[in-house]
Amino acid sequence: MSDFVHMRPPWGEGEIQKVEAKPEVIGPMMVAGWSQCEPPTTTKEVTTHVDD
């Protein structure tokens, strides 16, 4: 089991947060409407330009 999980805020508003995978941390979040989700994908693309 991982030490952290990713949580999506209620109604999809706000950013996904990485939190400790402990019942005392995620329990209150889930009661408030948060849900566990996949880690966010990185959308940054690194391009290297080589000029000869």
PDB file of N, CA and C in Angstrom:
ATOM      1  N   MET A   1       0.844  -1.188   0.000  1.00  0.00           N
ATOM      2  CA  MET A   1       0.000   0.000   0.000  1.00  0.00           C
ATOM      3  C   MET A   1       0.879   1.237   0.000  1.00  0.00           C
ATOM      4  N   SER A   2       0.448   2.214  -0.721  1.00  0.00           N
ATOM      5  CA  SER A   2       1.170   3.481  -0.816  1.00  0.00           C
ATOM      6  C   SER A   2       0.980   4.293   0.460  1.00  0.00           C
ATOM      7  N   ASP A   3       1.926   5.154   0.744  1.00  0.00           N
ATOM      8  CA  ASP A   3       1.824   6.008   1.915  1.00  0.00           C
ATOM      9  C   ASP A   3       0.962   7.233   1.647  1.00  0.00           C
ATOM     10  N   PHE A   4       0.680   7.507   0.372  1.00  0.00           N
ATOM     11  CA  PHE A   4      -0.102   8.672  -0.001  1.00  0.00           C
ATOM     12  C   PHE A   4      -1.168   8.293  -1.024  1.00  0.00           C
ATOM     13  N   VAL A   5      -2.244   9.051  -1.063  1.00  0.00           N
ATOM     14  CA  VAL A   5      -3.287   8.898  -2.081  1.00  0.00           C
ATOM     15  C   VAL A   5      -3.583  10.282  -2.645  1.00  0.00           C
ATOM     16  N   HIS A   6      -4.197  10.312  -3.809  1.00  0.00           N
ATOM     17  CA  HIS A   6      -4.606  11.573  -4.417  1.00  0.00           C
ATOM     18  C   HIS A   6      -6.105  11.721  -4.251  1.00  0.00           C
ATOM     19  N   MET A   7      -6.518  12.903  -3.821  1.00  0.00           N
ATOM     20  CA  MET A   7      -7.927  13.163  -3.546  1.00  0.00           C
ATOM     21  C   MET A   7      -8.432  14.294  -4.433  1.00  0.00           C
ATOM     22  N   ARG A   8      -9.614  14.070  -5.041  1.00  0.00           N
ATOM     23  CA  ARG A   8     -10.258  15.072  -5.895  1.00  0.00           C
ATOM     24  C   ARG A   8     -11.276  15.835  -5.042  1.00  0.00           C
ATOM     25  N   PRO A   9     -11.258  17.175  -5.122  1.00  0.00           N
ATOM     26  CA  PRO A   9     -12.185  17.963  -4.310  1.00  0.00           C
ATOM     27  C   PRO A   9     -13.637  17.780  -4.763  1.00  0.00           C
ATOM     28  N   PRO A  10     -14.579  18.112  -3.889  1.00  0.00           N
ATOM     29  CA  PRO A  10     -15.994  17.984  -4.243  1.00  0.00           C
ATOM     30  C   PRO A  10     -16.339  18.797  -5.486  1.00  0.00           C
ATOM     31  N   TRP A  11     -17.196  18.269  -6.314  1.00  0.00           N
ATOM     32  CA  TRP A  11     -17.695  18.918  -7.529  1.00  0.00           C
ATOM     33  C   TRP A  11     -16.591  19.260  -8.519  1.00  0.00           C
ATOM     34  N   GLY A  12     -15.418  18.670  -8.376  1.00  0.00           N
ATOM     35  CA  GLY A  12     -14.328  18.909  -9.315  1.00  0.00           C
ATOM     36  C   GLY A  12     -13.766  20.313  -9.276  1.00  0.00           C
ATOM     37  N   GLU A  13     -14.064  21.062  -8.222  1.00  0.00           N
ATOM     38  CA  GLU A  13     -13.562  22.430  -8.103  1.00  0.00           C
ATOM     39  C   GLU A  13     -12.295  22.426  -7.264  1.00  0.00           C
ATOM     40  N   GLY A  14     -11.220  22.989  -7.817  1.00  0.00           N
ATOM     41  CA  GLY A  14      -9.963  23.035  -7.093  1.00  0.00           C
ATOM     42  C   GLY A  14      -8.994  21.996  -7.607  1.00  0.00           C
ATOM     43  N   GLU A  15      -7.852  21.943  -6.973  1.00  0.00           N
ATOM     44  CA  GLU A  15      -6.790  21.054  -7.421  1.00  0.00           C
ATOM     45  C   GLU A  15      -6.795  19.738  -6.652  1.00  0.00           C
ATOM     46  N   ILE A  16      -6.343  18.694  -7.332  1.00  0.00           N
ATOM     47  CA  ILE A  16      -6.175  17.395  -6.701  1.00  0.00           C
ATOM     48  C   ILE A  16      -5.068  17.528  -5.664  1.00  0.00           C
ATOM     49  N   GLN A  17      -5.270  16.911  -4.500  1.00  0.00           N
ATOM     50  CA  GLN A  17      -4.273  16.999  -3.437  1.00  0.00           C
ATOM     51  C   GLN A  17      -3.725  15.617  -3.110  1.00  0.00           C
ATOM     52  N   LYS A  18      -2.430  15.560  -2.813  1.00  0.00           N
ATOM     53  CA  LYS A  18      -1.775  14.340  -2.369  1.00  0.00           C
ATOM     54  C   LYS A  18      -1.771  14.384  -0.847  1.00  0.00           C
ATOM     55  N   VAL A  19      -2.396  13.377  -0.221  1.00  0.00           N
ATOM     56  CA  VAL A  19      -2.513  13.362   1.237  1.00  0.00           C
ATOM     57  C   VAL A  19      -2.058  12.014   1.777  1.00  0.00           C
ATOM     58  N   GLU A  20      -1.760  11.980   3.066  1.00  0.00           N
ATOM     59  CA  GLU A  20      -1.361  10.734   3.715  1.00  0.00           C
ATOM     60  C   GLU A  20      -2.515   9.735   3.677  1.00  0.00           C
ATOM     61  N   ALA A  21      -2.195   8.476   3.414  1.00  0.00           N
ATOM     62  CA  ALA A  21      -3.203   7.421   3.334  1.00  0.00           C
ATOM     63  C   ALA A  21      -3.501   6.878   4.732  1.00  0.00           C
ATOM     64  N   LYS A  22      -4.053   7.745   5.576  1.00  0.00           N
ATOM     65  CA  LYS A  22      -4.415   7.352   6.933  1.00  0.00           C
ATOM     66  C   LYS A  22      -5.902   7.636   7.123  1.00  0.00           C
ATOM     67  N   PRO A  23      -6.613   6.745   7.801  1.00  0.00           N
ATOM     68  CA  PRO A  23      -8.047   6.954   7.999  1.00  0.00           C
ATOM     69  C   PRO A  23      -8.388   8.295   8.644  1.00  0.00           C
ATOM     70  N   GLU A  24      -7.553   8.742   9.578  1.00  0.00           N
ATOM     71  CA  GLU A  24      -7.846  10.012  10.253  1.00  0.00           C
ATOM     72  C   GLU A  24      -7.653  11.214   9.335  1.00  0.00           C
ATOM     73  N   VAL A  25      -6.956  11.029   8.204  1.00  0.00           N
ATOM     74  CA  VAL A  25      -6.752  12.115   7.230  1.00  0.00           C
ATOM     75  C   VAL A  25      -7.816  12.056   6.133  1.00  0.00           C
ATOM     76  N   ILE A  26      -7.978  10.877   5.527  1.00  0.00           N
ATOM     77  CA  ILE A  26      -8.894  10.796   4.384  1.00  0.00           C
ATOM     78  C   ILE A  26     -10.357  10.639   4.793  1.00  0.00           C
ATOM     79  N   GLY A  27     -10.617  10.114   5.993  1.00  0.00           N
ATOM     80  CA  GLY A  27     -12.002   9.948   6.458  1.00  0.00           C
ATOM     81  C   GLY A  27     -12.785  11.255   6.450  1.00  0.00           C
ATOM     82  N   PRO A  28     -12.292  12.280   7.154  1.00  0.00           N
ATOM     83  CA  PRO A  28     -13.014  13.560   7.154  1.00  0.00           C
ATOM     84  C   PRO A  28     -13.133  14.185   5.757  1.00  0.00           C
ATOM     85  N   MET A  29     -12.112  13.976   4.919  1.00  0.00           N
ATOM     86  CA  MET A  29     -12.174  14.523   3.560  1.00  0.00           C
ATOM     87  C   MET A  29     -13.307  13.856   2.769  1.00  0.00           C
ATOM     88  N   MET A  30     -13.424  12.524   2.904  1.00  0.00           N
ATOM     89  CA  MET A  30     -14.464  11.805   2.170  1.00  0.00           C
ATOM     90  C   MET A  30     -15.855  12.192   2.666  1.00  0.00           C
ATOM     91  N   VAL A  31     -15.995  12.411   3.971  1.00  0.00           N
ATOM     92  CA  VAL A  31     -17.277  12.864   4.518  1.00  0.00           C
ATOM     93  C   VAL A  31     -17.641  14.232   3.939  1.00  0.00           C
ATOM     94  N   ALA A  32     -16.619  15.066   3.690  1.00  0.00           N
ATOM     95  CA  ALA A  32     -16.842  16.411   3.141  1.00  0.00           C
ATOM     96  C   ALA A  32     -17.047  16.392   1.620  1.00  0.00           C
ATOM     97  N   GLY A  33     -16.965  15.191   0.988  1.00  0.00           N
ATOM     98  CA  GLY A  33     -17.243  15.112  -0.439  1.00  0.00           C
ATOM     99  C   GLY A  33     -16.043  14.840  -1.320  1.00  0.00           C
ATOM    100  N   TRP A  34     -14.860  14.748  -0.760  1.00  0.00           N
ATOM    101  CA  TRP A  34     -13.664  14.444  -1.541  1.00  0.00           C
ATOM    102  C   TRP A  34     -13.707  12.976  -1.938  1.00  0.00           C
ATOM    103  N   SER A  35     -13.048  12.634  -3.046  1.00  0.00           N
ATOM    104  CA  SER A  35     -12.977  11.242  -3.479  1.00  0.00           C
ATOM    105  C   SER A  35     -11.572  10.921  -3.958  1.00  0.00           C
ATOM    106  N   GLN A  36     -11.190   9.660  -3.787  1.00  0.00           N
ATOM    107  CA  GLN A  36      -9.858   9.240  -4.219  1.00  0.00           C
ATOM    108  C   GLN A  36      -9.829   9.166  -5.739  1.00  0.00           C
ATOM    109  N   CYS A  37      -8.693   9.538  -6.320  1.00  0.00           N
ATOM    110  CA  CYS A  37      -8.570   9.534  -7.776  1.00  0.00           C
ATOM    111  C   CYS A  37      -7.148   9.151  -8.177  1.00  0.00           C
ATOM    112  N   GLU A  38      -6.936   9.015  -9.468  1.00  0.00           N
ATOM    113  CA  GLU A  38      -5.613   8.733 -10.008  1.00  0.00           C
ATOM    114  C   GLU A  38      -4.739   9.979  -9.868  1.00  0.00           C
ATOM    115  N   PRO A  39      -3.427   9.820  -9.792  1.00  0.00           N
ATOM    116  CA  PRO A  39      -2.543  10.990  -9.744  1.00  0.00           C
ATOM    117  C   PRO A  39      -2.716  11.831 -11.008  1.00  0.00           C
ATOM    118  N   PRO A  40      -2.592  13.147 -10.871  1.00  0.00           N
ATOM    119  CA  PRO A  40      -2.718  13.994 -12.066  1.00  0.00           C
ATOM    120  C   PRO A  40      -1.600  13.706 -13.053  1.00  0.00           C
ATOM    121  N   THR A  41      -1.918  13.807 -14.317  1.00  0.00           N
ATOM    122  CA  THR A  41      -0.894  13.601 -15.343  1.00  0.00           C
ATOM    123  C   THR A  41      -0.153  14.909 -15.569  1.00  0.00           C
ATOM    124  N   THR A  42       1.099  14.799 -15.871  1.00  0.00           N
ATOM    125  CA  THR A  42       1.910  15.976 -16.138  1.00  0.00           C
ATOM    126  C   THR A  42       1.637  16.427 -17.562  1.00  0.00           C
ATOM    127  N   THR A  43       1.286  17.691 -17.725  1.00  0.00           N
ATOM    128  CA  THR A  43       0.977  18.196 -19.058  1.00  0.00           C
ATOM    129  C   THR A  43       2.117  19.014 -19.641  1.00  0.00           C
ATOM    130  N   LYS A  44       3.179  19.197 -18.859  1.00  0.00           N
ATOM    131  CA  LYS A  44       4.322  19.944 -19.378  1.00  0.00           C
ATOM    132  C   LYS A  44       5.076  19.092 -20.390  1.00  0.00           C
ATOM    133  N   GLU A  45       5.424  19.707 -21.490  1.00  0.00           N
ATOM    134  CA  GLU A  45       6.201  19.000 -22.496  1.00  0.00           C
ATOM    135  C   GLU A  45       7.539  19.698 -22.626  1.00  0.00           C
ATOM    136  N   VAL A  46       8.595  18.941 -22.519  1.00  0.00           N
ATOM    137  CA  VAL A  46       9.932  19.508 -22.617  1.00  0.00           C
ATOM    138  C   VAL A  46      10.452  19.250 -24.018  1.00  0.00           C
ATOM    139  N   THR A  47      10.813  20.320 -24.689  1.00  0.00           N
ATOM    140  CA  THR A  47      11.339  20.206 -26.042  1.00  0.00           C
ATOM    141  C   THR A  47      12.746  20.772 -26.074  1.00  0.00           C
ATOM    142  N   THR A  48      13.677  20.034 -26.612  1.00  0.00           N
ATOM    143  CA  THR A  48      15.044  20.495 -26.730  1.00  0.00           C
ATOM    144  C   THR A  48      15.292  20.882 -28.170  1.00  0.00           C
ATOM    145  N   HIS A  49      15.724  22.094 -28.374  1.00  0.00           N
ATOM    146  CA  HIS A  49      16.034  22.579 -29.719  1.00  0.00           C
ATOM    147  C   HIS A  49      17.548  22.561 -29.913  1.00  0.00           C
ATOM    148  N   VAL A  50      17.978  21.956 -31.001  1.00  0.00           N
ATOM    149  CA  VAL A  50      19.394  21.893 -31.305  1.00  0.00           C
ATOM    150  C   VAL A  50      19.604  22.606 -32.615  1.00  0.00           C
ATOM    151  N   ASP A  51      20.363  23.693 -32.558  1.00  0.00           N
ATOM    152  CA  ASP A  51      20.681  24.457 -33.772  1.00  0.00           C
ATOM    153  C   ASP A  51      22.114  24.178 -34.172  1.00  0.00           C
ATOM    154  N   ASP A  52      22.296  23.676 -35.398  1.00  0.00           N
ATOM    155  CA  ASP A  52      23.657  23.393 -35.877  1.00  0.00           C
ATOM    156  C   ASP A  52      24.214  24.570 -36.632  1.00  0.00           C
TER     157      ASP A  52
END
